[in-house]
Amino acid sequence: MRSKAMRADPRHKPLPLEAATLLTEGKVAEAVESVRQAEGIGRRAARKRVDAHIANEPMLRVQLEMQGHAARRKFFLWFLLIDAVIVALAIYWFVYRDQA
């Protein structure tokens, strides 16, 4: 016999395929919009459905965290590159502008 914990909860139906695919790509906001359009519900209810799906899928949660870390790392590297260019321009301006 199956225990109650093993049975699927009928209140929680699976997400639409498009929303689930968007989640695997790390596009949470787009997945919420997809759920809204597919089911005709409000933004808050769609967000709760997506959050519940993420909470029930530990591998998806880890994947989303990894994608978030990668996005923050990429942003930081771009920020560092822009800062280096600004510093190089400032050095050029203050050191070499009188020689030209």
N, C-alpha and C. Protein backbone atom coordinates (compact mmCIF):
# COMPACT_ATOMS: atom_id res chain seq x y z
N MET A 1 0.84 -1.19 0.00
CA MET A 1 0.00 0.00 0.00
C MET A 1 0.88 1.25 0.00
N ARG A 2 0.37 2.24 -0.64
CA ARG A 2 1.09 3.52 -0.67
C ARG A 2 0.70 4.37 0.53
N SER A 3 1.66 5.11 1.00
CA SER A 3 1.36 6.03 2.10
C SER A 3 0.77 7.31 1.53
N LYS A 4 0.24 8.13 2.38
CA LYS A 4 -0.33 9.40 1.92
C LYS A 4 0.73 10.31 1.32
N ALA A 5 1.95 10.24 1.82
CA ALA A 5 3.02 11.10 1.31
C ALA A 5 3.42 10.71 -0.11
N MET A 6 3.18 9.47 -0.50
CA MET A 6 3.58 9.01 -1.82
C MET A 6 2.58 9.44 -2.90
N ARG A 7 1.36 9.73 -2.54
CA ARG A 7 0.35 10.10 -3.52
C ARG A 7 0.54 11.56 -3.94
N ALA A 8 0.19 11.81 -5.18
CA ALA A 8 0.27 13.19 -5.69
C ALA A 8 -0.88 14.00 -5.11
N ASP A 9 -0.57 15.20 -4.75
CA ASP A 9 -1.59 16.09 -4.22
C ASP A 9 -2.42 16.61 -5.39
N PRO A 10 -3.71 16.37 -5.42
CA PRO A 10 -4.51 16.80 -6.57
C PRO A 10 -4.62 18.31 -6.70
N ARG A 11 -4.33 19.04 -5.66
CA ARG A 11 -4.41 20.51 -5.74
C ARG A 11 -3.26 21.09 -6.54
N HIS A 12 -2.15 20.36 -6.67
CA HIS A 12 -0.98 20.88 -7.36
C HIS A 12 -0.80 20.16 -8.68
N LYS A 13 -1.37 20.73 -9.73
CA LYS A 13 -1.19 20.13 -11.04
C LYS A 13 0.14 20.62 -11.62
N PRO A 14 0.71 19.87 -12.54
CA PRO A 14 2.01 20.27 -13.08
C PRO A 14 1.91 21.56 -13.88
N LEU A 15 3.05 22.24 -13.98
CA LEU A 15 3.10 23.47 -14.76
C LEU A 15 2.94 23.17 -16.24
N PRO A 16 2.47 24.15 -17.01
CA PRO A 16 2.45 23.96 -18.46
C PRO A 16 3.87 23.69 -18.98
N LEU A 17 3.98 22.97 -20.07
CA LEU A 17 5.27 22.57 -20.61
C LEU A 17 6.15 23.77 -20.93
N GLU A 18 5.56 24.82 -21.50
CA GLU A 18 6.34 26.01 -21.83
C GLU A 18 6.95 26.64 -20.58
N ALA A 19 6.18 26.72 -19.50
CA ALA A 19 6.68 27.30 -18.25
C ALA A 19 7.79 26.44 -17.67
N ALA A 20 7.61 25.12 -17.70
CA ALA A 20 8.65 24.23 -17.17
C ALA A 20 9.94 24.35 -17.98
N THR A 21 9.81 24.49 -19.29
CA THR A 21 10.99 24.66 -20.15
C THR A 21 11.68 25.99 -19.85
N LEU A 22 10.90 27.04 -19.68
CA LEU A 22 11.49 28.34 -19.35
C LEU A 22 12.23 28.29 -18.01
N LEU A 23 11.70 27.55 -17.07
CA LEU A 23 12.37 27.42 -15.77
C LEU A 23 13.72 26.72 -15.91
N THR A 24 13.79 25.69 -16.75
CA THR A 24 15.06 24.99 -16.92
C THR A 24 16.09 25.89 -17.59
N GLU A 25 15.62 26.91 -18.32
CA GLU A 25 16.52 27.88 -18.95
C GLU A 25 16.87 29.02 -18.00
N GLY A 26 16.28 29.03 -16.81
CA GLY A 26 16.58 30.06 -15.82
C GLY A 26 15.73 31.30 -15.97
N LYS A 27 14.68 31.25 -16.74
CA LYS A 27 13.83 32.41 -17.01
C LYS A 27 12.57 32.34 -16.14
N VAL A 28 12.72 32.74 -14.90
CA VAL A 28 11.63 32.62 -13.93
C VAL A 28 10.50 33.60 -14.25
N ALA A 29 10.83 34.83 -14.56
CA ALA A 29 9.80 35.83 -14.84
C ALA A 29 8.99 35.43 -16.07
N GLU A 30 9.66 34.93 -17.09
CA GLU A 30 8.96 34.49 -18.29
C GLU A 30 8.07 33.27 -18.00
N ALA A 31 8.53 32.39 -17.09
CA ALA A 31 7.73 31.23 -16.71
C ALA A 31 6.46 31.68 -15.99
N VAL A 32 6.57 32.69 -15.14
CA VAL A 32 5.39 33.22 -14.44
C VAL A 32 4.39 33.77 -15.45
N GLU A 33 4.88 34.53 -16.42
CA GLU A 33 4.00 35.07 -17.45
C GLU A 33 3.36 33.96 -18.28
N SER A 34 4.11 32.92 -18.55
CA SER A 34 3.57 31.79 -19.31
C SER A 34 2.44 31.10 -18.53
N VAL A 35 2.63 30.93 -17.22
CA VAL A 35 1.59 30.32 -16.39
C VAL A 35 0.37 31.23 -16.36
N ARG A 36 0.59 32.51 -16.26
CA ARG A 36 -0.53 33.46 -16.26
C ARG A 36 -1.36 33.34 -17.52
N GLN A 37 -0.67 33.33 -18.66
CA GLN A 37 -1.39 33.27 -19.93
C GLN A 37 -2.06 31.91 -20.14
N ALA A 38 -1.38 30.83 -19.78
CA ALA A 38 -1.92 29.50 -20.02
C ALA A 38 -3.13 29.20 -19.14
N GLU A 39 -3.11 29.70 -17.91
CA GLU A 39 -4.17 29.34 -16.97
C GLU A 39 -5.12 30.49 -16.67
N GLY A 40 -4.82 31.69 -17.16
CA GLY A 40 -5.72 32.82 -16.93
C GLY A 40 -5.83 33.23 -15.48
N ILE A 41 -4.71 33.19 -14.76
CA ILE A 41 -4.71 33.56 -13.35
C ILE A 41 -3.89 34.84 -13.17
N GLY A 42 -3.93 35.39 -11.99
CA GLY A 42 -3.20 36.62 -11.69
C GLY A 42 -1.72 36.36 -11.49
N ARG A 43 -0.98 37.46 -11.45
CA ARG A 43 0.48 37.37 -11.32
C ARG A 43 0.89 36.73 -10.00
N ARG A 44 0.22 37.09 -8.92
CA ARG A 44 0.58 36.55 -7.60
C ARG A 44 0.32 35.04 -7.55
N ALA A 45 -0.81 34.60 -8.07
CA ALA A 45 -1.12 33.17 -8.07
C ALA A 45 -0.15 32.41 -8.97
N ALA A 46 0.19 32.99 -10.11
CA ALA A 46 1.14 32.34 -11.02
C ALA A 46 2.52 32.24 -10.37
N ARG A 47 2.92 33.28 -9.67
CA ARG A 47 4.22 33.26 -8.99
C ARG A 47 4.23 32.19 -7.90
N LYS A 48 3.12 32.07 -7.17
CA LYS A 48 3.04 31.03 -6.13
C LYS A 48 3.14 29.64 -6.75
N ARG A 49 2.51 29.44 -7.91
CA ARG A 49 2.58 28.13 -8.58
C ARG A 49 4.01 27.83 -9.01
N VAL A 50 4.69 28.83 -9.59
CA VAL A 50 6.07 28.63 -10.03
C VAL A 50 6.98 28.38 -8.83
N ASP A 51 6.81 29.16 -7.77
CA ASP A 51 7.62 28.96 -6.57
C ASP A 51 7.40 27.59 -5.95
N ALA A 52 6.15 27.12 -5.95
CA ALA A 52 5.85 25.79 -5.40
C ALA A 52 6.51 24.71 -6.27
N HIS A 53 6.50 24.91 -7.57
CA HIS A 53 7.14 23.95 -8.47
C HIS A 53 8.65 23.90 -8.20
N ILE A 54 9.26 25.07 -8.05
CA ILE A 54 10.70 25.14 -7.77
C ILE A 54 11.01 24.49 -6.43
N ALA A 55 10.16 24.73 -5.43
CA ALA A 55 10.39 24.15 -4.10
C ALA A 55 10.27 22.62 -4.12
N ASN A 56 9.44 22.09 -5.00
CA ASN A 56 9.26 20.64 -5.08
C ASN A 56 10.31 19.95 -5.95
N GLU A 57 11.09 20.71 -6.68
CA GLU A 57 12.12 20.15 -7.58
C GLU A 57 13.50 20.60 -7.09
N PRO A 58 14.17 19.83 -6.24
CA PRO A 58 15.46 20.26 -5.69
C PRO A 58 16.54 20.46 -6.75
N MET A 59 16.55 19.62 -7.78
CA MET A 59 17.56 19.79 -8.83
C MET A 59 17.34 21.08 -9.62
N LEU A 60 16.09 21.43 -9.85
CA LEU A 60 15.77 22.68 -10.54
C LEU A 60 16.20 23.87 -9.69
N ARG A 61 15.96 23.77 -8.38
CA ARG A 61 16.36 24.86 -7.48
C ARG A 61 17.88 25.06 -7.51
N VAL A 62 18.62 23.96 -7.49
CA VAL A 62 20.09 24.05 -7.56
C VAL A 62 20.52 24.63 -8.90
N GLN A 63 19.87 24.19 -9.98
CA GLN A 63 20.21 24.70 -11.31
C GLN A 63 19.95 26.20 -11.39
N LEU A 64 18.84 26.67 -10.85
CA LEU A 64 18.54 28.11 -10.87
C LEU A 64 19.55 28.90 -10.04
N GLU A 65 19.96 28.33 -8.89
CA GLU A 65 20.97 29.01 -8.08
C GLU A 65 22.30 29.11 -8.82
N MET A 66 22.68 28.04 -9.51
CA MET A 66 23.93 28.04 -10.28
C MET A 66 23.86 29.07 -11.41
N GLN A 67 22.72 29.15 -12.08
CA GLN A 67 22.57 30.12 -13.15
C GLN A 67 22.61 31.55 -12.60
N GLY A 68 22.05 31.74 -11.42
CA GLY A 68 22.11 33.06 -10.78
C GLY A 68 23.53 33.44 -10.42
N HIS A 69 24.29 32.49 -9.90
CA HIS A 69 25.69 32.76 -9.57
C HIS A 69 26.48 33.10 -10.83
N ALA A 70 26.24 32.37 -11.91
CA ALA A 70 26.95 32.62 -13.16
C ALA A 70 26.59 34.00 -13.71
N ALA A 71 25.34 34.39 -13.61
CA ALA A 71 24.92 35.71 -14.10
C ALA A 71 25.55 36.82 -13.26
N ARG A 72 25.61 36.63 -11.94
CA ARG A 72 26.25 37.65 -11.10
C ARG A 72 27.74 37.74 -11.38
N ARG A 73 28.38 36.59 -11.61
CA ARG A 73 29.81 36.58 -11.93
C ARG A 73 30.06 37.31 -13.24
N LYS A 74 29.23 37.06 -14.23
CA LYS A 74 29.38 37.73 -15.53
C LYS A 74 29.20 39.23 -15.38
N PHE A 75 28.19 39.66 -14.60
CA PHE A 75 27.97 41.07 -14.35
C PHE A 75 29.18 41.70 -13.67
N PHE A 76 29.72 41.01 -12.67
CA PHE A 76 30.88 41.52 -11.95
C PHE A 76 32.08 41.68 -12.88
N LEU A 77 32.30 40.71 -13.77
CA LEU A 77 33.43 40.81 -14.69
C LEU A 77 33.26 41.97 -15.67
N TRP A 78 32.04 42.17 -16.17
CA TRP A 78 31.81 43.32 -17.03
C TRP A 78 32.03 44.63 -16.26
N PHE A 79 31.55 44.69 -15.04
CA PHE A 79 31.74 45.87 -14.20
C PHE A 79 33.22 46.14 -13.98
N LEU A 80 33.99 45.08 -13.72
CA LEU A 80 35.43 45.21 -13.53
C LEU A 80 36.11 45.71 -14.80
N LEU A 81 35.71 45.20 -15.94
CA LEU A 81 36.28 45.63 -17.22
C LEU A 81 35.99 47.10 -17.49
N ILE A 82 34.77 47.51 -17.25
CA ILE A 82 34.41 48.92 -17.46
C ILE A 82 35.20 49.81 -16.51
N ASP A 83 35.34 49.40 -15.26
CA ASP A 83 36.15 50.17 -14.31
C ASP A 83 37.60 50.28 -14.77
N ALA A 84 38.17 49.20 -15.29
CA ALA A 84 39.55 49.23 -15.77
C ALA A 84 39.69 50.20 -16.94
N VAL A 85 38.72 50.23 -17.83
CA VAL A 85 38.77 51.16 -18.96
C VAL A 85 38.67 52.60 -18.47
N ILE A 86 37.81 52.86 -17.51
CA ILE A 86 37.67 54.22 -16.96
C ILE A 86 38.96 54.65 -16.28
N VAL A 87 39.58 53.77 -15.52
CA VAL A 87 40.85 54.10 -14.86
C VAL A 87 41.93 54.36 -15.90
N ALA A 88 41.99 53.54 -16.96
CA ALA A 88 42.98 53.75 -18.01
C ALA A 88 42.77 55.09 -18.70
N LEU A 89 41.53 55.45 -18.95
CA LEU A 89 41.24 56.74 -19.58
C LEU A 89 41.60 57.89 -18.64
N ALA A 90 41.34 57.75 -17.35
CA ALA A 90 41.69 58.80 -16.39
C ALA A 90 43.21 58.96 -16.31
N ILE A 91 43.95 57.86 -16.30
CA ILE A 91 45.41 57.94 -16.27
C ILE A 91 45.92 58.62 -17.53
N TYR A 92 45.39 58.22 -18.67
CA TYR A 92 45.80 58.84 -19.93
C TYR A 92 45.51 60.34 -19.90
N TRP A 93 44.32 60.70 -19.42
CA TRP A 93 43.92 62.10 -19.41
C TRP A 93 44.84 62.94 -18.51
N PHE A 94 45.15 62.46 -17.33
CA PHE A 94 45.94 63.27 -16.39
C PHE A 94 47.44 63.20 -16.67
N VAL A 95 47.94 62.14 -17.28
CA VAL A 95 49.37 61.99 -17.48
C VAL A 95 49.81 62.43 -18.86
N TYR A 96 49.10 62.03 -19.88
CA TYR A 96 49.56 62.26 -21.25
C TYR A 96 48.88 63.40 -21.99
N ARG A 97 47.92 64.09 -21.42
CA ARG A 97 47.25 65.14 -22.16
C ARG A 97 48.13 66.36 -22.38
N ASP A 98 49.09 66.66 -21.45
CA ASP A 98 49.97 67.81 -21.61
C ASP A 98 51.06 67.56 -22.63
N GLN A 99 51.38 66.31 -22.89
CA GLN A 99 52.46 66.00 -23.85
C GLN A 99 51.98 66.07 -25.28
N ALA A 100 50.71 66.05 -25.52
CA ALA A 100 50.22 66.05 -26.90
C ALA A 100 50.13 67.44 -27.49
